[in-house]
Amino acid sequence: MAALALGAGETREATASLKRSAEQQERLYQMSASDFQRRLEEVARKRGKRMEIAPESWKLLRSLASNISSNDEESQKLRQWFQEVESTLHQLVAEFNDHKLAKRSLQTLSLILQNALRPSRSREVNVKSIRFQETFGSSTASLQLLELAGFMQIQSDSGDTTLAFPVDGPKAQAERVFDLLQHALRKDSGYI
């Protein structure tokens, strides 16, 4: 009986590990496809004329597309969530006219998520605080990104709005948003 329980536990762990790996692979495929599409659009804008795509690039795109299961409802939801995060990320960068301010906002959001994912760190953000207002101003995209990462809005009795990441919050979502923010901060990402 104990061996059966041990086997069941190992199977659950292996299944969870495979699911995480599949989600990570899905995220990498999405990021690669998104980067490829963005670079195509950039080149097309710069040249202003028709562009030929190399056969190797088509082969890569086909392999990425074939690896993404379009029938699975959970995959569809995950894909839609990634699109929403990417759209909000672009909106956030567009809200700042200055490259340095956009970079600072992405770094601050990364730090907030990093702290929320650590058990002993703060899981709350006072969006009315002076520091938050100085960094994000009237940016709605910053709040949306935090909410997409799993933060929830809480109103205090004094009327302050706080974003809180639940102790049992969706860590996978927060980790994905953190990874996407880290990607956006890279010089070659095309975001800033």
N, C-alpha and C. Protein backbone atom coordinates (compact mmCIF):
# COMPACT_ATOMS: atom_id res chain seq x y z
N MET A 1 0.83 -1.20 0.00
CA MET A 1 0.00 0.00 0.00
C MET A 1 0.87 1.25 0.00
N ALA A 2 1.94 1.22 0.81
CA ALA A 2 2.83 2.37 0.88
C ALA A 2 3.54 2.57 -0.45
N ALA A 3 3.90 1.46 -1.10
CA ALA A 3 4.57 1.57 -2.40
C ALA A 3 3.64 2.17 -3.44
N LEU A 4 2.35 1.82 -3.38
CA LEU A 4 1.37 2.37 -4.29
C LEU A 4 1.20 3.87 -4.06
N ALA A 5 1.14 4.27 -2.81
CA ALA A 5 1.02 5.69 -2.48
C ALA A 5 2.27 6.45 -2.93
N LEU A 6 3.42 5.86 -2.75
CA LEU A 6 4.67 6.49 -3.19
C LEU A 6 4.69 6.63 -4.70
N GLY A 7 4.25 5.56 -5.39
CA GLY A 7 4.19 5.61 -6.86
C GLY A 7 3.23 6.68 -7.35
N ALA A 8 2.09 6.80 -6.68
CA ALA A 8 1.10 7.82 -7.06
C ALA A 8 1.68 9.22 -6.84
N GLY A 9 2.39 9.38 -5.74
CA GLY A 9 3.01 10.69 -5.47
C GLY A 9 4.05 11.03 -6.51
N GLU A 10 4.86 10.05 -6.88
CA GLU A 10 5.88 10.28 -7.91
C GLU A 10 5.24 10.60 -9.25
N THR A 11 4.15 9.93 -9.56
CA THR A 11 3.45 10.19 -10.81
C THR A 11 2.89 11.61 -10.83
N ARG A 12 2.31 12.06 -9.71
CA ARG A 12 1.81 13.44 -9.63
C ARG A 12 2.93 14.44 -9.83
N GLU A 13 4.07 14.19 -9.19
CA GLU A 13 5.21 15.10 -9.33
C GLU A 13 5.71 15.12 -10.77
N ALA A 14 5.80 13.96 -11.39
CA ALA A 14 6.26 13.88 -12.78
C ALA A 14 5.28 14.59 -13.71
N THR A 15 3.97 14.42 -13.46
CA THR A 15 2.95 15.08 -14.27
C THR A 15 3.04 16.60 -14.12
N ALA A 16 3.21 17.06 -12.90
CA ALA A 16 3.34 18.51 -12.67
C ALA A 16 4.59 19.04 -13.35
N SER A 17 5.66 18.29 -13.28
CA SER A 17 6.91 18.70 -13.92
C SER A 17 6.74 18.77 -15.43
N LEU A 18 6.08 17.78 -16.01
CA LEU A 18 5.83 17.80 -17.46
C LEU A 18 4.94 18.97 -17.85
N LYS A 19 3.95 19.26 -17.03
CA LYS A 19 3.05 20.38 -17.32
C LYS A 19 3.83 21.69 -17.31
N ARG A 20 4.70 21.85 -16.30
CA ARG A 20 5.52 23.07 -16.24
C ARG A 20 6.43 23.17 -17.46
N SER A 21 7.01 22.06 -17.85
CA SER A 21 7.88 22.05 -19.03
C SER A 21 7.10 22.41 -20.28
N ALA A 22 5.90 21.86 -20.41
CA ALA A 22 5.07 22.17 -21.58
C ALA A 22 4.68 23.64 -21.59
N GLU A 23 4.34 24.19 -20.43
CA GLU A 23 3.99 25.60 -20.35
C GLU A 23 5.19 26.48 -20.70
N GLN A 24 6.36 26.09 -20.21
CA GLN A 24 7.57 26.86 -20.54
C GLN A 24 7.86 26.78 -22.03
N GLN A 25 7.71 25.60 -22.61
CA GLN A 25 7.94 25.44 -24.05
C GLN A 25 6.94 26.28 -24.83
N GLU A 26 5.68 26.26 -24.40
CA GLU A 26 4.65 27.08 -25.04
C GLU A 26 5.02 28.56 -24.99
N ARG A 27 5.51 29.01 -23.82
CA ARG A 27 5.91 30.40 -23.66
C ARG A 27 7.07 30.74 -24.59
N LEU A 28 8.04 29.85 -24.69
CA LEU A 28 9.17 30.09 -25.58
C LEU A 28 8.73 30.14 -27.04
N TYR A 29 7.82 29.26 -27.42
CA TYR A 29 7.30 29.29 -28.78
C TYR A 29 6.59 30.62 -29.04
N GLN A 30 5.76 31.03 -28.10
CA GLN A 30 5.03 32.29 -28.25
C GLN A 30 5.99 33.47 -28.37
N MET A 31 6.99 33.50 -27.50
CA MET A 31 7.96 34.60 -27.54
C MET A 31 8.73 34.61 -28.84
N SER A 32 9.14 33.44 -29.33
CA SER A 32 9.87 33.35 -30.58
C SER A 32 9.01 33.82 -31.75
N ALA A 33 7.79 33.34 -31.78
CA ALA A 33 6.88 33.74 -32.85
C ALA A 33 6.59 35.24 -32.78
N SER A 34 6.40 35.75 -31.59
CA SER A 34 6.12 37.17 -31.41
C SER A 34 7.33 38.02 -31.82
N ASP A 35 8.51 37.61 -31.40
CA ASP A 35 9.73 38.33 -31.79
C ASP A 35 9.91 38.31 -33.30
N PHE A 36 9.67 37.16 -33.90
CA PHE A 36 9.81 37.03 -35.34
C PHE A 36 8.84 37.97 -36.05
N GLN A 37 7.59 37.98 -35.61
CA GLN A 37 6.58 38.84 -36.22
C GLN A 37 6.94 40.31 -36.05
N ARG A 38 7.39 40.68 -34.87
CA ARG A 38 7.75 42.07 -34.61
C ARG A 38 8.91 42.50 -35.50
N ARG A 39 9.90 41.64 -35.64
CA ARG A 39 11.05 41.98 -36.49
C ARG A 39 10.64 42.08 -37.96
N LEU A 40 9.73 41.22 -38.39
CA LEU A 40 9.23 41.33 -39.75
C LEU A 40 8.55 42.67 -39.98
N GLU A 41 7.74 43.07 -39.02
CA GLU A 41 7.05 44.35 -39.13
C GLU A 41 8.02 45.52 -39.14
N GLU A 42 9.07 45.45 -38.31
CA GLU A 42 10.07 46.50 -38.27
C GLU A 42 10.79 46.64 -39.61
N VAL A 43 11.20 45.51 -40.16
CA VAL A 43 11.90 45.53 -41.43
C VAL A 43 11.00 46.04 -42.53
N ALA A 44 9.74 45.61 -42.52
CA ALA A 44 8.78 46.06 -43.54
C ALA A 44 8.56 47.57 -43.44
N ARG A 45 8.49 48.09 -42.21
CA ARG A 45 8.31 49.54 -42.04
C ARG A 45 9.53 50.30 -42.54
N LYS A 46 10.71 49.78 -42.23
CA LYS A 46 11.94 50.47 -42.64
C LYS A 46 12.11 50.47 -44.15
N ARG A 47 11.82 49.36 -44.77
CA ARG A 47 12.01 49.26 -46.21
C ARG A 47 10.85 49.83 -46.99
N GLY A 48 9.64 49.68 -46.44
CA GLY A 48 8.46 50.21 -47.11
C GLY A 48 8.11 49.46 -48.39
N LYS A 49 8.66 48.29 -48.60
CA LYS A 49 8.34 47.51 -49.79
C LYS A 49 8.24 46.04 -49.42
N ARG A 50 7.86 45.25 -50.37
CA ARG A 50 7.68 43.81 -50.16
C ARG A 50 9.00 43.16 -49.75
N MET A 51 8.88 42.18 -48.89
CA MET A 51 10.06 41.53 -48.35
C MET A 51 9.94 40.03 -48.56
N GLU A 52 11.04 39.41 -48.87
CA GLU A 52 11.10 37.96 -49.01
C GLU A 52 11.56 37.35 -47.70
N ILE A 53 10.94 36.25 -47.31
CA ILE A 53 11.31 35.57 -46.07
C ILE A 53 12.13 34.34 -46.45
N ALA A 54 13.25 34.19 -45.78
CA ALA A 54 14.17 33.09 -46.06
C ALA A 54 13.49 31.74 -45.78
N PRO A 55 13.83 30.72 -46.57
CA PRO A 55 13.24 29.39 -46.36
C PRO A 55 13.47 28.86 -44.94
N GLU A 56 14.63 29.16 -44.37
CA GLU A 56 14.92 28.70 -43.01
C GLU A 56 13.93 29.31 -42.01
N SER A 57 13.58 30.57 -42.24
CA SER A 57 12.63 31.25 -41.36
C SER A 57 11.25 30.63 -41.47
N TRP A 58 10.84 30.31 -42.70
CA TRP A 58 9.54 29.65 -42.88
C TRP A 58 9.53 28.30 -42.18
N LYS A 59 10.64 27.58 -42.30
CA LYS A 59 10.74 26.27 -41.65
C LYS A 59 10.59 26.41 -40.14
N LEU A 60 11.27 27.42 -39.56
CA LEU A 60 11.18 27.66 -38.12
C LEU A 60 9.75 28.00 -37.72
N LEU A 61 9.09 28.85 -38.48
CA LEU A 61 7.71 29.23 -38.17
C LEU A 61 6.77 28.02 -38.24
N ARG A 62 6.93 27.20 -39.25
CA ARG A 62 6.09 26.01 -39.37
C ARG A 62 6.29 25.07 -38.18
N SER A 63 7.55 24.89 -37.77
CA SER A 63 7.80 23.99 -36.64
C SER A 63 7.20 24.57 -35.35
N LEU A 64 7.28 25.89 -35.18
CA LEU A 64 6.68 26.51 -34.00
C LEU A 64 5.16 26.34 -34.02
N ALA A 65 4.57 26.57 -35.16
CA ALA A 65 3.11 26.48 -35.27
C ALA A 65 2.63 25.05 -35.08
N SER A 66 3.39 24.07 -35.58
CA SER A 66 2.95 22.68 -35.44
C SER A 66 3.06 22.18 -34.01
N ASN A 67 3.93 22.81 -33.22
CA ASN A 67 4.11 22.38 -31.84
C ASN A 67 3.07 22.97 -30.89
N ILE A 68 2.31 23.93 -31.36
CA ILE A 68 1.30 24.56 -30.51
C ILE A 68 -0.04 23.90 -30.80
N SER A 69 -0.62 23.31 -29.79
CA SER A 69 -1.90 22.63 -29.94
C SER A 69 -3.02 23.67 -29.92
N SER A 70 -3.69 23.86 -31.06
CA SER A 70 -4.74 24.87 -31.14
C SER A 70 -6.09 24.35 -30.68
N ASN A 71 -6.23 23.05 -30.47
CA ASN A 71 -7.52 22.49 -30.06
C ASN A 71 -7.71 22.49 -28.56
N ASP A 72 -6.65 22.48 -27.83
CA ASP A 72 -6.72 22.37 -26.38
C ASP A 72 -7.21 23.69 -25.78
N GLU A 73 -8.29 23.64 -25.02
CA GLU A 73 -8.89 24.85 -24.44
C GLU A 73 -7.91 25.57 -23.53
N GLU A 74 -7.16 24.80 -22.74
CA GLU A 74 -6.20 25.42 -21.84
C GLU A 74 -5.09 26.13 -22.61
N SER A 75 -4.66 25.54 -23.71
CA SER A 75 -3.65 26.18 -24.56
C SER A 75 -4.18 27.48 -25.15
N GLN A 76 -5.45 27.46 -25.53
CA GLN A 76 -6.07 28.67 -26.07
C GLN A 76 -6.11 29.78 -25.03
N LYS A 77 -6.49 29.41 -23.80
CA LYS A 77 -6.54 30.41 -22.73
C LYS A 77 -5.15 30.96 -22.44
N LEU A 78 -4.16 30.07 -22.42
CA LEU A 78 -2.79 30.49 -22.17
C LEU A 78 -2.29 31.40 -23.28
N ARG A 79 -2.59 31.05 -24.51
CA ARG A 79 -2.19 31.87 -25.65
C ARG A 79 -2.84 33.26 -25.57
N GLN A 80 -4.13 33.29 -25.23
CA GLN A 80 -4.84 34.56 -25.10
C GLN A 80 -4.25 35.39 -23.97
N TRP A 81 -3.90 34.74 -22.86
CA TRP A 81 -3.30 35.44 -21.73
C TRP A 81 -1.96 36.05 -22.14
N PHE A 82 -1.13 35.29 -22.86
CA PHE A 82 0.15 35.81 -23.33
C PHE A 82 -0.05 37.01 -24.25
N GLN A 83 -1.03 36.94 -25.13
CA GLN A 83 -1.30 38.06 -26.03
C GLN A 83 -1.71 39.30 -25.25
N GLU A 84 -2.51 39.09 -24.21
CA GLU A 84 -2.95 40.22 -23.38
C GLU A 84 -1.76 40.83 -22.63
N VAL A 85 -0.88 39.97 -22.11
CA VAL A 85 0.31 40.47 -21.41
C VAL A 85 1.19 41.24 -22.38
N GLU A 86 1.42 40.68 -23.55
CA GLU A 86 2.29 41.36 -24.53
C GLU A 86 1.69 42.68 -24.97
N SER A 87 0.39 42.70 -25.22
CA SER A 87 -0.28 43.94 -25.61
C SER A 87 -0.16 44.99 -24.51
N THR A 88 -0.36 44.58 -23.27
CA THR A 88 -0.27 45.50 -22.13
C THR A 88 1.17 45.99 -21.95
N LEU A 89 2.12 45.11 -22.19
CA LEU A 89 3.53 45.49 -22.09
C LEU A 89 3.88 46.55 -23.13
N HIS A 90 3.40 46.36 -24.35
CA HIS A 90 3.61 47.38 -25.40
C HIS A 90 2.93 48.70 -25.02
N GLN A 91 1.73 48.60 -24.45
CA GLN A 91 1.00 49.79 -24.03
C GLN A 91 1.79 50.54 -22.95
N LEU A 92 2.35 49.80 -22.00
CA LEU A 92 3.12 50.42 -20.93
C LEU A 92 4.31 51.19 -21.49
N VAL A 93 5.05 50.56 -22.39
CA VAL A 93 6.22 51.22 -22.98
C VAL A 93 5.79 52.44 -23.78
N ALA A 94 4.66 52.33 -24.47
CA ALA A 94 4.16 53.46 -25.27
C ALA A 94 3.70 54.63 -24.40
N GLU A 95 3.27 54.35 -23.17
CA GLU A 95 2.79 55.41 -22.29
C GLU A 95 3.91 56.35 -21.85
N PHE A 96 5.15 55.89 -21.98
CA PHE A 96 6.29 56.72 -21.59
C PHE A 96 6.97 57.24 -22.85
N ASN A 97 7.20 58.53 -22.90
CA ASN A 97 7.87 59.13 -24.06
C ASN A 97 9.38 58.96 -23.97
N ASP A 98 9.87 58.67 -22.81
CA ASP A 98 11.30 58.61 -22.56
C ASP A 98 11.74 57.16 -22.37
N HIS A 99 12.81 56.80 -23.06
CA HIS A 99 13.37 55.45 -22.98
C HIS A 99 13.76 55.10 -21.54
N LYS A 100 14.36 56.04 -20.83
CA LYS A 100 14.81 55.79 -19.46
C LYS A 100 13.63 55.56 -18.52
N LEU A 101 12.55 56.33 -18.70
CA LEU A 101 11.36 56.15 -17.85
C LEU A 101 10.69 54.81 -18.12
N ALA A 102 10.63 54.40 -19.38
CA ALA A 102 10.04 53.10 -19.72
C ALA A 102 10.87 51.99 -19.10
N LYS A 103 12.18 52.10 -19.20
CA LYS A 103 13.05 51.07 -18.63
C LYS A 103 12.90 51.02 -17.11
N ARG A 104 12.82 52.19 -16.48
CA ARG A 104 12.65 52.24 -15.02
C ARG A 104 11.34 51.58 -14.60
N SER A 105 10.28 51.81 -15.36
CA SER A 105 8.99 51.20 -15.01
C SER A 105 9.05 49.68 -15.13
N LEU A 106 9.70 49.18 -16.18
CA LEU A 106 9.84 47.73 -16.34
C LEU A 106 10.69 47.13 -15.23
N GLN A 107 11.75 47.82 -14.84
CA GLN A 107 12.60 47.34 -13.76
C GLN A 107 11.83 47.32 -12.43
N THR A 108 11.04 48.36 -12.18
CA THR A 108 10.26 48.42 -10.94
C THR A 108 9.23 47.31 -10.89
N LEU A 109 8.53 47.07 -12.00
CA LEU A 109 7.56 45.97 -12.04
C LEU A 109 8.26 44.63 -11.81
N SER A 110 9.44 44.46 -12.39
CA SER A 110 10.20 43.22 -12.18
C SER A 110 10.53 43.03 -10.71
N LEU A 111 10.93 44.11 -10.06
CA LEU A 111 11.27 44.04 -8.64
C LEU A 111 10.04 43.70 -7.79
N ILE A 112 8.91 44.30 -8.12
CA ILE A 112 7.67 44.02 -7.40
C ILE A 112 7.31 42.54 -7.53
N LEU A 113 7.41 42.01 -8.74
CA LEU A 113 7.09 40.59 -8.95
C LEU A 113 8.10 39.68 -8.26
N GLN A 114 9.36 40.06 -8.33
CA GLN A 114 10.39 39.26 -7.67
C GLN A 114 10.13 39.19 -6.16
N ASN A 115 9.77 40.31 -5.57
CA ASN A 115 9.45 40.34 -4.14
C ASN A 115 8.21 39.52 -3.82
N ALA A 116 7.22 39.60 -4.69
CA ALA A 116 5.97 38.86 -4.44
C ALA A 116 6.19 37.35 -4.50
N LEU A 117 7.15 36.92 -5.30
CA LEU A 117 7.41 35.49 -5.45
C LEU A 117 8.26 34.92 -4.32
N ARG A 118 8.89 35.79 -3.57
CA ARG A 118 9.67 35.32 -2.43
C ARG A 118 8.77 35.25 -1.21
N PRO A 119 8.81 34.13 -0.49
CA PRO A 119 7.89 33.96 0.65
C PRO A 119 8.05 34.98 1.76
N SER A 120 9.25 35.45 1.99
CA SER A 120 9.47 36.34 3.12
C SER A 120 9.41 37.82 2.74
N ARG A 121 9.05 38.13 1.51
CA ARG A 121 9.05 39.51 1.05
C ARG A 121 7.64 40.07 0.96
N SER A 122 7.57 41.37 0.70
CA SER A 122 6.29 42.05 0.61
C SER A 122 5.47 41.55 -0.57
N ARG A 123 4.20 41.39 -0.33
CA ARG A 123 3.29 40.95 -1.38
C ARG A 123 2.22 42.01 -1.64
N GLU A 124 2.45 43.23 -1.17
CA GLU A 124 1.48 44.30 -1.36
C GLU A 124 2.15 45.52 -1.97
N VAL A 125 1.37 46.24 -2.78
CA VAL A 125 1.86 47.45 -3.43
C VAL A 125 0.81 48.53 -3.24
N ASN A 126 1.19 49.64 -2.62
CA ASN A 126 0.28 50.77 -2.45
C ASN A 126 0.38 51.63 -3.70
N VAL A 127 -0.62 51.56 -4.55
CA VAL A 127 -0.58 52.28 -5.82
C VAL A 127 -0.79 53.79 -5.64
N LYS A 128 -1.17 54.22 -4.46
CA LYS A 128 -1.32 55.66 -4.17
C LYS A 128 -0.05 56.25 -3.56
N SER A 129 0.96 55.41 -3.31
CA SER A 129 2.19 55.90 -2.69
C SER A 129 2.92 56.86 -3.64
N ILE A 130 3.69 57.74 -3.06
CA ILE A 130 4.43 58.72 -3.84
C ILE A 130 5.41 58.03 -4.78
N ARG A 131 6.08 57.02 -4.29
CA ARG A 131 7.07 56.32 -5.12
C ARG A 131 6.40 55.65 -6.33
N PHE A 132 5.26 55.00 -6.10
CA PHE A 132 4.55 54.35 -7.20
C PHE A 132 4.09 55.41 -8.21
N GLN A 133 3.55 56.52 -7.70
CA GLN A 133 3.07 57.58 -8.58
C GLN A 133 4.21 58.22 -9.37
N GLU A 134 5.39 58.39 -8.73
CA GLU A 134 6.54 58.96 -9.43
C GLU A 134 7.01 58.03 -10.54
N THR A 135 6.95 56.75 -10.30
CA THR A 135 7.43 55.78 -11.29
C THR A 135 6.43 55.58 -12.42
N PHE A 136 5.14 55.44 -12.09
CA PHE A 136 4.16 55.06 -13.10
C PHE A 136 3.17 56.16 -13.47
N GLY A 137 3.08 57.20 -12.66
CA GLY A 137 2.15 58.28 -12.97
C GLY A 137 0.73 57.77 -13.13
N SER A 138 0.12 58.10 -14.24
CA SER A 138 -1.26 57.68 -14.49
C SER A 138 -1.33 56.42 -15.36
N SER A 139 -0.26 55.68 -15.41
CA SER A 139 -0.19 54.48 -16.24
C SER A 139 -1.20 53.44 -15.78
N THR A 140 -2.09 53.05 -16.67
CA THR A 140 -3.03 51.98 -16.37
C THR A 140 -2.43 50.62 -16.73
N ALA A 141 -1.49 50.63 -17.66
CA ALA A 141 -0.88 49.38 -18.10
C ALA A 141 -0.07 48.72 -16.99
N SER A 142 0.54 49.52 -16.13
CA SER A 142 1.31 48.95 -15.03
C SER A 142 0.40 48.17 -14.08
N LEU A 143 -0.77 48.72 -13.80
CA LEU A 143 -1.74 48.02 -12.95
C LEU A 143 -2.25 46.76 -13.63
N GLN A 144 -2.51 46.85 -14.93
CA GLN A 144 -2.99 45.70 -15.67
C GLN A 144 -1.96 44.56 -15.66
N LEU A 145 -0.68 44.91 -15.84
CA LEU A 145 0.36 43.87 -15.82
C LEU A 145 0.42 43.17 -14.48
N LEU A 146 0.33 43.95 -13.41
CA LEU A 146 0.35 43.34 -12.08
C LEU A 146 -0.87 42.45 -11.86
N GLU A 147 -2.02 42.89 -12.34
CA GLU A 147 -3.23 42.07 -12.22
C GLU A 147 -3.12 40.80 -13.06
N LEU A 148 -2.52 40.91 -14.25
CA LEU A 148 -2.31 39.72 -15.09
C LEU A 148 -1.33 38.75 -14.43
N ALA A 149 -0.46 39.29 -13.57
CA ALA A 149 0.49 38.44 -12.84
C ALA A 149 -0.15 37.80 -11.62
N GLY A 150 -1.37 38.20 -11.27
CA GLY A 150 -2.07 37.58 -10.15
C GLY A 150 -2.36 38.50 -8.98
N PHE A 151 -1.94 39.76 -9.06
CA PHE A 151 -2.25 40.71 -7.99
C PHE A 151 -3.73 41.05 -8.03
N MET A 152 -4.31 41.33 -6.87
CA MET A 152 -5.72 41.69 -6.77
C MET A 152 -5.82 43.06 -6.09
N GLN A 153 -6.77 43.88 -6.57
CA GLN A 153 -6.98 45.20 -5.97
C GLN A 153 -7.77 45.06 -4.68
N ILE A 154 -7.29 45.78 -3.65
CA ILE A 154 -7.96 45.80 -2.36
C ILE A 154 -8.12 47.26 -1.96
N GLN A 155 -9.33 47.65 -1.53
CA GLN A 155 -9.59 49.00 -1.05
C GLN A 155 -9.54 48.99 0.47
N SER A 156 -8.74 49.87 1.03
CA SER A 156 -8.68 49.96 2.49
C SER A 156 -9.78 50.89 2.98
N ASP A 157 -9.98 50.92 4.28
CA ASP A 157 -10.99 51.80 4.88
C ASP A 157 -10.67 53.27 4.63
N SER A 158 -9.38 53.59 4.52
CA SER A 158 -8.97 54.98 4.29
C SER A 158 -9.10 55.39 2.83
N GLY A 159 -9.48 54.45 1.95
CA GLY A 159 -9.67 54.77 0.55
C GLY A 159 -8.45 54.50 -0.31
N ASP A 160 -7.34 54.06 0.30
CA ASP A 160 -6.15 53.74 -0.47
C ASP A 160 -6.37 52.44 -1.24
N THR A 161 -5.82 52.42 -2.44
CA THR A 161 -5.89 51.21 -3.25
C THR A 161 -4.57 50.47 -3.10
N THR A 162 -4.68 49.21 -2.77
CA THR A 162 -3.50 48.37 -2.62
C THR A 162 -3.66 47.18 -3.55
N LEU A 163 -2.56 46.80 -4.17
CA LEU A 163 -2.53 45.56 -4.94
C LEU A 163 -1.85 44.52 -4.08
N ALA A 164 -2.47 43.38 -3.91
CA ALA A 164 -1.90 42.34 -3.07
C ALA A 164 -1.79 41.04 -3.86
N PHE A 165 -0.67 40.37 -3.66
CA PHE A 165 -0.46 39.05 -4.27
C PHE A 165 -0.77 38.01 -3.20
N PRO A 166 -1.81 37.22 -3.39
CA PRO A 166 -2.20 36.24 -2.38
C PRO A 166 -1.07 35.25 -2.08
N VAL A 167 -1.03 34.79 -0.84
CA VAL A 167 -0.02 33.82 -0.43
C VAL A 167 -0.08 32.59 -1.31
N ASP A 168 -1.29 32.16 -1.63
CA ASP A 168 -1.47 31.00 -2.50
C ASP A 168 -1.79 31.44 -3.93
N GLY A 169 -1.27 32.62 -4.32
CA GLY A 169 -1.54 33.20 -5.63
C GLY A 169 -0.96 32.38 -6.77
N PRO A 170 -1.33 32.77 -7.99
CA PRO A 170 -0.90 32.04 -9.18
C PRO A 170 0.58 32.32 -9.50
N LYS A 171 1.46 31.60 -8.85
CA LYS A 171 2.89 31.85 -9.01
C LYS A 171 3.36 31.66 -10.44
N ALA A 172 2.77 30.72 -11.15
CA ALA A 172 3.18 30.48 -12.54
C ALA A 172 2.92 31.72 -13.39
N GLN A 173 1.78 32.38 -13.18
CA GLN A 173 1.47 33.60 -13.92
C GLN A 173 2.48 34.69 -13.58
N ALA A 174 2.76 34.87 -12.31
CA ALA A 174 3.71 35.90 -11.90
C ALA A 174 5.09 35.61 -12.46
N GLU A 175 5.49 34.35 -12.46
CA GLU A 175 6.80 34.00 -13.01
C GLU A 175 6.86 34.27 -14.51
N ARG A 176 5.76 33.98 -15.22
CA ARG A 176 5.73 34.25 -16.67
C ARG A 176 5.82 35.75 -16.95
N VAL A 177 5.06 36.55 -16.21
CA VAL A 177 5.12 38.00 -16.42
C VAL A 177 6.53 38.51 -16.09
N PHE A 178 7.11 38.00 -15.01
CA PHE A 178 8.49 38.37 -14.64
C PHE A 178 9.44 38.03 -15.79
N ASP A 179 9.33 36.84 -16.35
CA ASP A 179 10.19 36.44 -17.47
C ASP A 179 10.01 37.35 -18.67
N LEU A 180 8.76 37.70 -18.96
CA LEU A 180 8.50 38.59 -20.10
C LEU A 180 9.05 39.99 -19.85
N LEU A 181 8.97 40.47 -18.61
CA LEU A 181 9.56 41.77 -18.28
C LEU A 181 11.07 41.72 -18.44
N GLN A 182 11.69 40.64 -17.99
CA GLN A 182 13.13 40.50 -18.14
C GLN A 182 13.52 40.47 -19.61
N HIS A 183 12.71 39.79 -20.41
CA HIS A 183 12.95 39.76 -21.86
C HIS A 183 12.83 41.17 -22.45
N ALA A 184 11.81 41.90 -22.03
CA ALA A 184 11.59 43.25 -22.56
C ALA A 184 12.73 44.20 -22.20
N LEU A 185 13.39 43.94 -21.09
CA LEU A 185 14.49 44.81 -20.65
C LEU A 185 15.78 44.58 -21.44
N ARG A 186 15.86 43.49 -22.19
CA ARG A 186 17.06 43.23 -22.99
C ARG A 186 17.12 44.23 -24.13
N LYS A 187 18.32 44.64 -24.47
CA LYS A 187 18.50 45.64 -25.53
C LYS A 187 17.96 45.17 -26.87
N ASP A 188 18.08 43.90 -27.17
CA ASP A 188 17.66 43.40 -28.48
C ASP A 188 16.20 42.95 -28.54
N SER A 189 15.43 43.20 -27.48
CA SER A 189 14.05 42.71 -27.46
C SER A 189 13.11 43.51 -28.34
N GLY A 190 13.44 44.76 -28.61
CA GLY A 190 12.58 45.60 -29.43
C GLY A 190 11.51 46.35 -28.65
N TYR A 191 11.46 46.16 -27.35
CA TYR A 191 10.46 46.87 -26.55
C TYR A 191 10.90 48.29 -26.22
N ILE A 192 12.13 48.42 -25.72
CA ILE A 192 12.61 49.76 -25.33
C ILE A 192 13.92 50.05 -26.01
